[in-house]
Amino acid sequence: MEVKQTFLSLLITSYFIAFGVMLGGSLIGGLGSFLMGQPPLTMIARFADTLRIWALIAAIGGTFDTFYSLERGLFQGEIQHVFRQGLLILFAAGGMQTGLTVIKWLTDEHV
């Protein structure tokens, strides 16, 4: 049984998935670096910097369906698909940037 999401719930979900990947991945990585005797706050900031693209990929589904839909919109004249996929990528980027900002605040470092 497949549950259909509305477009608004998909946007909100993609925002918080990217946000969660940034926070969770960085903090858990910092815990691992602490256990290995490395400076955790510095490593958290470094992890956040390297997780940015992965947060976007995880938020948009990890597949190329978003880009295929974007291509279909551009080359077949379906502007609604271009607008929707652009908003989806924008919300995912917003969640990623919010997570990066929170990590900056927590670590007090310039990422």
C-alpha atoms as a PDB file:
ATOM      1  CA  MET A   1       0.000   0.000   0.000  1.00  0.00           C
ATOM      2  CA  GLU A   2       1.567   3.253  -1.136  1.00  0.00           C
ATOM      3  CA  VAL A   3       0.787   6.504   0.639  1.00  0.00           C
ATOM      4  CA  LYS A   4       0.633   9.550  -1.607  1.00  0.00           C
ATOM      5  CA  GLN A   5       2.147  12.763  -0.275  1.00  0.00           C
ATOM      6  CA  THR A   6       0.882  16.193  -1.133  1.00  0.00           C
ATOM      7  CA  PHE A   7       3.394  18.534  -2.685  1.00  0.00           C
ATOM      8  CA  LEU A   8       3.517  20.739   0.422  1.00  0.00           C
ATOM      9  CA  SER A   9       4.258  17.769   2.677  1.00  0.00           C
ATOM     10  CA  LEU A  10       6.971  16.665   0.229  1.00  0.00           C
ATOM     11  CA  LEU A  11       8.598  20.102   0.446  1.00  0.00           C
ATOM     12  CA  ILE A  12       8.524  20.102   4.246  1.00  0.00           C
ATOM     13  CA  THR A  13       9.819  16.540   4.371  1.00  0.00           C
ATOM     14  CA  SER A  14      12.741  17.315   2.040  1.00  0.00           C
ATOM     15  CA  TYR A  15      13.650  20.369   4.155  1.00  0.00           C
ATOM     16  CA  PHE A  16      13.801  18.401   7.384  1.00  0.00           C
ATOM     17  CA  ILE A  17      15.562  15.406   5.837  1.00  0.00           C
ATOM     18  CA  ALA A  18      18.402  17.669   4.684  1.00  0.00           C
ATOM     19  CA  PHE A  19      18.416  19.393   8.070  1.00  0.00           C
ATOM     20  CA  GLY A  20      18.530  16.060   9.899  1.00  0.00           C
ATOM     21  CA  VAL A  21      21.327  14.672   7.746  1.00  0.00           C
ATOM     22  CA  MET A  22      23.429  17.738   8.495  1.00  0.00           C
ATOM     23  CA  LEU A  23      22.832  17.710  12.243  1.00  0.00           C
ATOM     24  CA  GLY A  24      22.800  13.974  12.805  1.00  0.00           C
ATOM     25  CA  GLY A  25      25.751  13.151  10.614  1.00  0.00           C
ATOM     26  CA  SER A  26      27.910  15.922  12.013  1.00  0.00           C
ATOM     27  CA  LEU A  27      27.096  15.260  15.657  1.00  0.00           C
ATOM     28  CA  ILE A  28      27.496  11.497  15.417  1.00  0.00           C
ATOM     29  CA  GLY A  29      30.751  11.983  13.510  1.00  0.00           C
ATOM     30  CA  GLY A  30      31.892  14.341  16.263  1.00  0.00           C
ATOM     31  CA  LEU A  31      31.125  11.666  18.832  1.00  0.00           C
ATOM     32  CA  GLY A  32      33.261   9.216  16.884  1.00  0.00           C
ATOM     33  CA  SER A  33      36.122  11.701  16.652  1.00  0.00           C
ATOM     34  CA  PHE A  34      35.873  12.286  20.419  1.00  0.00           C
ATOM     35  CA  LEU A  35      36.176   8.552  21.019  1.00  0.00           C
ATOM     36  CA  MET A  36      39.270   8.519  18.791  1.00  0.00           C
ATOM     37  CA  GLY A  37      40.904  11.382  20.724  1.00  0.00           C
ATOM     38  CA  GLN A  38      40.469  14.102  18.085  1.00  0.00           C
ATOM     39  CA  PRO A  39      38.986  17.565  18.757  1.00  0.00           C
ATOM     40  CA  PRO A  40      35.223  17.003  18.441  1.00  0.00           C
ATOM     41  CA  LEU A  41      34.056  20.566  17.704  1.00  0.00           C
ATOM     42  CA  THR A  42      36.580  21.022  14.915  1.00  0.00           C
ATOM     43  CA  MET A  43      35.653  17.667  13.429  1.00  0.00           C
ATOM     44  CA  ILE A  44      31.918  18.442  13.677  1.00  0.00           C
ATOM     45  CA  ALA A  45      32.504  21.600  11.628  1.00  0.00           C
ATOM     46  CA  ARG A  46      34.522  19.644   9.053  1.00  0.00           C
ATOM     47  CA  PHE A  47      31.900  16.921   8.825  1.00  0.00           C
ATOM     48  CA  ALA A  48      29.199  19.523   8.282  1.00  0.00           C
ATOM     49  CA  ASP A  49      31.162  21.004   5.414  1.00  0.00           C
ATOM     50  CA  THR A  50      31.606  17.644   3.689  1.00  0.00           C
ATOM     51  CA  LEU A  51      28.027  16.456   4.297  1.00  0.00           C
ATOM     52  CA  ARG A  52      26.381  19.324   2.409  1.00  0.00           C
ATOM     53  CA  ILE A  53      25.996  17.583  -0.952  1.00  0.00           C
ATOM     54  CA  TRP A  54      24.928  14.332   0.703  1.00  0.00           C
ATOM     55  CA  ALA A  55      22.186  16.132   2.600  1.00  0.00           C
ATOM     56  CA  LEU A  56      20.798  17.433  -0.704  1.00  0.00           C
ATOM     57  CA  ILE A  57      20.992  14.008  -2.332  1.00  0.00           C
ATOM     58  CA  ALA A  58      19.242  12.344   0.603  1.00  0.00           C
ATOM     59  CA  ALA A  59      16.530  15.007   0.685  1.00  0.00           C
ATOM     60  CA  ILE A  60      15.593  14.765  -2.992  1.00  0.00           C
ATOM     61  CA  GLY A  61      15.417  10.998  -2.823  1.00  0.00           C
ATOM     62  CA  GLY A  62      18.902   9.905  -3.761  1.00  0.00           C
ATOM     63  CA  THR A  63      17.912   9.121  -7.336  1.00  0.00           C
ATOM     64  CA  PHE A  64      17.887  10.938 -10.609  1.00  0.00           C
ATOM     65  CA  ASP A  65      14.075  11.073 -10.768  1.00  0.00           C
ATOM     66  CA  THR A  66      14.182  14.749  -9.831  1.00  0.00           C
ATOM     67  CA  PHE A  67      16.533  15.524 -12.694  1.00  0.00           C
ATOM     68  CA  TYR A  68      14.573  13.398 -15.173  1.00  0.00           C
ATOM     69  CA  SER A  69      11.435  15.276 -14.218  1.00  0.00           C
ATOM     70  CA  LEU A  70      13.307  18.558 -14.593  1.00  0.00           C
ATOM     71  CA  GLU A  71      14.540  17.475 -18.028  1.00  0.00           C
ATOM     72  CA  ARG A  72      11.027  16.485 -19.075  1.00  0.00           C
ATOM     73  CA  GLY A  73       9.782  19.887 -18.017  1.00  0.00           C
ATOM     74  CA  LEU A  74      12.462  21.747 -19.922  1.00  0.00           C
ATOM     75  CA  PHE A  75      12.454  19.785 -23.168  1.00  0.00           C
ATOM     76  CA  GLN A  76       8.809  18.766 -23.383  1.00  0.00           C
ATOM     77  CA  GLY A  77       7.386  22.092 -22.285  1.00  0.00           C
ATOM     78  CA  GLU A  78       5.891  20.955 -18.974  1.00  0.00           C
ATOM     79  CA  ILE A  79       6.736  24.051 -16.958  1.00  0.00           C
ATOM     80  CA  GLN A  80       4.868  22.787 -13.891  1.00  0.00           C
ATOM     81  CA  HIS A  81       7.483  20.015 -13.455  1.00  0.00           C
ATOM     82  CA  VAL A  82      10.333  22.525 -13.672  1.00  0.00           C
ATOM     83  CA  PHE A  83       8.716  24.717 -11.026  1.00  0.00           C
ATOM     84  CA  ARG A  84       7.994  21.804  -8.683  1.00  0.00           C
ATOM     85  CA  GLN A  85      11.449  20.263  -8.936  1.00  0.00           C
ATOM     86  CA  GLY A  86      13.070  23.657  -8.521  1.00  0.00           C
ATOM     87  CA  LEU A  87      11.092  24.213  -5.326  1.00  0.00           C
ATOM     88  CA  LEU A  88      11.998  20.738  -4.074  1.00  0.00           C
ATOM     89  CA  ILE A  89      15.718  21.400  -4.608  1.00  0.00           C
ATOM     90  CA  LEU A  90      15.369  24.869  -3.063  1.00  0.00           C
ATOM     91  CA  PHE A  91      13.712  23.510   0.092  1.00  0.00           C
ATOM     92  CA  ALA A  92      16.349  20.786   0.404  1.00  0.00           C
ATOM     93  CA  ALA A  93      19.087  23.399   0.032  1.00  0.00           C
ATOM     94  CA  GLY A  94      17.351  25.512   2.675  1.00  0.00           C
ATOM     95  CA  GLY A  95      17.351  22.602   5.120  1.00  0.00           C
ATOM     96  CA  MET A  96      21.000  21.935   4.388  1.00  0.00           C
ATOM     97  CA  GLN A  97      21.913  25.574   4.927  1.00  0.00           C
ATOM     98  CA  THR A  98      19.898  25.758   8.151  1.00  0.00           C
ATOM     99  CA  GLY A  99      21.692  22.682   9.462  1.00  0.00           C
ATOM    100  CA  LEU A 100      25.059  24.171   8.510  1.00  0.00           C
ATOM    101  CA  THR A 101      24.173  27.408  10.311  1.00  0.00           C
ATOM    102  CA  VAL A 102      23.157  25.529  13.462  1.00  0.00           C
ATOM    103  CA  ILE A 103      26.444  23.613  13.359  1.00  0.00           C
ATOM    104  CA  LYS A 104      28.316  26.910  13.000  1.00  0.00           C
ATOM    105  CA  TRP A 105      26.492  28.254  16.058  1.00  0.00           C
ATOM    106  CA  LEU A 106      27.203  25.124  18.087  1.00  0.00           C
ATOM    107  CA  THR A 107      30.874  24.863  17.205  1.00  0.00           C
ATOM    108  CA  ASP A 108      31.563  28.601  16.949  1.00  0.00           C
ATOM    109  CA  GLU A 109      33.743  27.935  13.912  1.00  0.00           C
ATOM    110  CA  HIS A 110      33.691  29.304  10.397  1.00  0.00           C
ATOM    111  CA  VAL A 111      32.799  26.487   8.048  1.00  0.00           C
END
